[in-house]
Protein backbone atom coordinates (compact mmCIF):
# COMPACT_ATOMS: atom_id res chain seq x y z
CA MET A 1 104.31 178.39 146.29
CA ALA A 2 106.29 178.07 143.05
CA ASP A 3 104.28 180.79 141.28
CA LYS A 4 106.37 183.97 141.47
CA ASP A 5 103.59 186.04 139.87
CA ARG A 6 101.27 186.06 142.88
CA GLN A 7 101.18 186.95 146.53
CA PHE A 8 101.45 184.51 149.41
CA GLN A 9 100.55 184.63 153.06
CA LEU A 10 103.11 183.23 155.44
CA VAL A 11 102.83 182.43 159.14
CA THR A 12 106.11 183.75 160.52
CA PHE A 13 107.89 182.66 163.67
CA GLN A 14 111.26 182.66 165.34
CA LEU A 15 113.30 179.53 165.84
CA GLY A 16 116.73 180.06 167.32
CA ASP A 17 118.17 183.31 165.99
CA GLU A 18 116.34 183.21 162.65
CA ASN A 19 112.89 184.16 161.39
CA TYR A 20 110.99 181.55 159.41
CA GLY A 21 107.80 181.44 157.42
CA ILE A 22 105.46 178.64 156.41
CA ASP A 23 102.72 178.96 153.81
CA ILE A 24 99.51 179.73 155.70
CA MET A 25 97.73 176.99 153.75
CA ASP A 26 99.98 174.40 155.46
CA VAL A 27 99.30 175.71 158.98
CA LYS A 28 96.14 174.36 160.60
CA GLU A 29 96.41 176.32 163.85
CA ILE A 30 98.68 177.82 166.47
CA VAL A 31 98.38 176.49 170.01
CA GLY A 32 99.97 177.57 173.26
CA VAL A 33 102.09 175.40 175.50
CA GLN A 34 100.56 171.98 176.11
CA THR A 35 101.61 168.98 178.17
CA ILE A 36 103.58 166.63 175.95
CA ARG A 37 103.75 162.91 176.67
CA PRO A 38 107.22 161.54 175.85
CA ILE A 39 107.43 158.47 173.63
CA PRO A 40 110.14 155.85 174.31
CA ASN A 41 112.42 154.95 171.40
CA ALA A 42 111.19 157.87 169.28
CA PRO A 43 113.66 159.71 167.04
CA SER A 44 115.58 162.35 169.01
CA TYR A 45 113.75 165.22 167.29
CA VAL A 46 110.30 163.90 168.33
CA GLU A 47 109.49 165.61 171.63
CA GLY A 48 106.43 163.42 172.20
CA ILE A 49 102.68 163.56 171.53
CA PHE A 50 99.71 165.51 172.79
CA ASN A 51 95.97 165.26 172.40
CA LEU A 52 94.30 168.10 170.49
CA ARG A 53 90.53 167.67 170.61
CA GLY A 54 90.78 163.90 170.18
CA ASN A 55 93.62 163.95 167.62
CA ILE A 56 96.99 162.58 168.68
CA ILE A 57 99.60 165.04 167.38
CA PRO A 58 103.33 164.20 167.29
CA ILE A 59 105.42 167.19 168.41
CA ILE A 60 108.63 167.82 166.49
CA ASN A 61 111.52 169.75 167.99
CA LEU A 62 113.26 171.50 165.08
CA HIS A 63 115.90 172.79 167.52
CA ARG A 64 117.08 169.19 167.92
CA ARG A 65 116.57 168.30 164.29
CA PHE A 66 118.77 171.15 163.08
CA HIS A 67 120.97 171.61 166.18
CA LEU A 68 119.72 175.14 166.86
CA LYS A 69 119.89 176.96 170.15
CA LYS A 70 116.68 178.24 171.71
CA THR A 71 115.90 181.94 171.61
CA GLN A 72 116.11 184.00 174.76
CA THR A 73 112.59 185.32 175.25
CA GLU A 74 111.42 188.40 177.09
CA GLU A 75 108.56 188.87 179.53
CA GLY A 76 105.22 188.83 177.71
CA ASP A 77 106.48 187.00 174.62
CA PHE A 78 104.44 184.08 173.34
CA GLU A 79 106.96 181.30 173.65
CA ASN A 80 107.11 177.55 173.40
CA GLY A 81 103.93 177.25 171.41
CA PHE A 82 103.23 174.86 168.58
CA LEU A 83 102.35 175.34 164.94
CA ILE A 84 100.08 172.51 163.85
CA ILE A 85 101.00 171.78 160.25
CA ASP A 86 99.63 169.39 157.66
CA ILE A 87 102.15 167.29 155.75
CA ASN A 88 100.39 165.12 153.19
CA GLY A 89 97.35 164.71 155.44
CA MET A 90 99.33 164.03 158.64
CA LEU A 91 99.05 166.62 161.39
CA LEU A 92 102.30 167.45 163.18
CA GLY A 93 103.16 170.05 165.76
CA ILE A 94 106.42 171.94 165.56
CA ILE A 95 107.80 173.78 168.55
CA ILE A 96 108.44 177.47 167.96
CA ASP A 97 110.28 179.99 170.10
CA ARG A 98 108.11 182.95 169.27
CA ILE A 99 105.19 183.50 166.91
CA ALA A 100 105.55 186.66 164.82
CA ARG A 101 102.61 187.38 162.54
CA VAL A 102 100.98 186.56 159.24
CA VAL A 103 102.60 188.48 156.41
CA THR A 104 101.71 188.84 152.75
CA VAL A 105 104.68 188.61 150.40
CA ASP A 106 105.00 189.04 146.68
CA GLY A 107 106.41 185.99 144.90
CA THR A 108 108.98 188.14 143.11
CA MET A 109 110.59 188.96 146.49
CA ILE A 110 111.54 185.31 147.07
CA GLN A 111 115.18 184.53 146.36
CA ASP A 112 116.91 181.17 146.11
CA PRO A 113 118.30 180.03 149.46
CA PRO A 114 122.00 180.16 150.25
CA GLN A 115 123.63 176.75 150.77
CA MET A 116 123.52 176.93 154.57
CA ILE A 117 121.62 179.16 156.96
CA SER A 118 122.26 178.67 160.70
CA GLY A 119 122.47 174.90 160.44
CA ILE A 120 119.43 174.33 158.25
CA GLY A 121 120.44 173.05 154.84
CA ALA A 122 119.13 174.56 151.62
CA GLU A 123 117.21 171.35 150.87
CA TYR A 124 114.65 172.30 153.54
CA ILE A 125 114.26 175.89 152.38
CA GLN A 126 111.91 177.06 149.68
CA GLY A 127 113.43 180.51 149.50
CA VAL A 128 114.43 183.59 151.45
CA ILE A 129 113.16 187.14 151.57
CA HIS A 130 115.55 189.93 152.48
CA GLN A 131 114.22 192.14 155.29
CA GLU A 132 115.61 195.12 157.15
CA ASN A 133 116.64 192.99 160.13
CA GLY A 134 117.94 189.97 158.20
CA TYR A 135 116.20 187.25 156.24
CA LEU A 136 112.83 185.57 156.41
CA ILE A 137 113.50 181.92 155.61
CA ILE A 138 110.60 180.12 153.94
CA LEU A 139 110.54 176.47 155.00
CA ASP A 140 109.38 173.76 152.65
CA ILE A 141 107.56 171.58 155.16
CA ARG A 142 107.23 168.70 152.69
CA ARG A 143 111.02 168.35 152.62
CA LEU A 144 111.59 168.49 156.39
CA PHE A 145 111.21 164.72 156.64
CA ASN A 146 111.89 161.93 154.18
CA PRO A 147 109.15 159.32 153.59
CA LYS A 148 110.78 156.83 155.99
CA GLU A 149 110.86 159.44 158.79
CA LEU A 150 107.23 160.38 158.13
CA GLN A 151 106.23 156.72 158.34
CA LYS A 152 108.02 156.36 161.70
CA ILE A 153 106.34 159.55 163.02
CA ASP A 154 102.97 158.25 161.81
CA GLU A 155 103.54 154.95 163.68
CA ILE A 156 104.31 156.91 166.87
CA ARG A 157 100.94 158.63 166.86
CA LYS A 158 98.99 155.37 166.49
């Protein structure tokens, strides 16, 4: 997404009090609430695993990872779903509070991230887009976990 001269599609969602976006090319699907099987001795941010059509998917709780509070949801909201993302060929599920929509953004609208946004450090953020009701924070999913953490998550799903 480094090319500022083109448009991008982002899957947007709410996590805590902030709105986030992930490049649509990194999102494999959105699934509703599923039964998660806890895994003993997993890192604190790994909620557990679930089976998606024969694939064992580790579920990551970004609330725990970044010490965020959960959003208060209203009746009829899609809550506690998962975004299934692909990080270097490994499928992971991340828990979201509320799915928003797919938006198309112009690369020139993306600004460098501030040093700290609601507990998530700038190292995990690809950029921000100013909106009427705040910011849309674009996550860089390849930076959410270091190689050692990814290896541990991969071992959990096997």
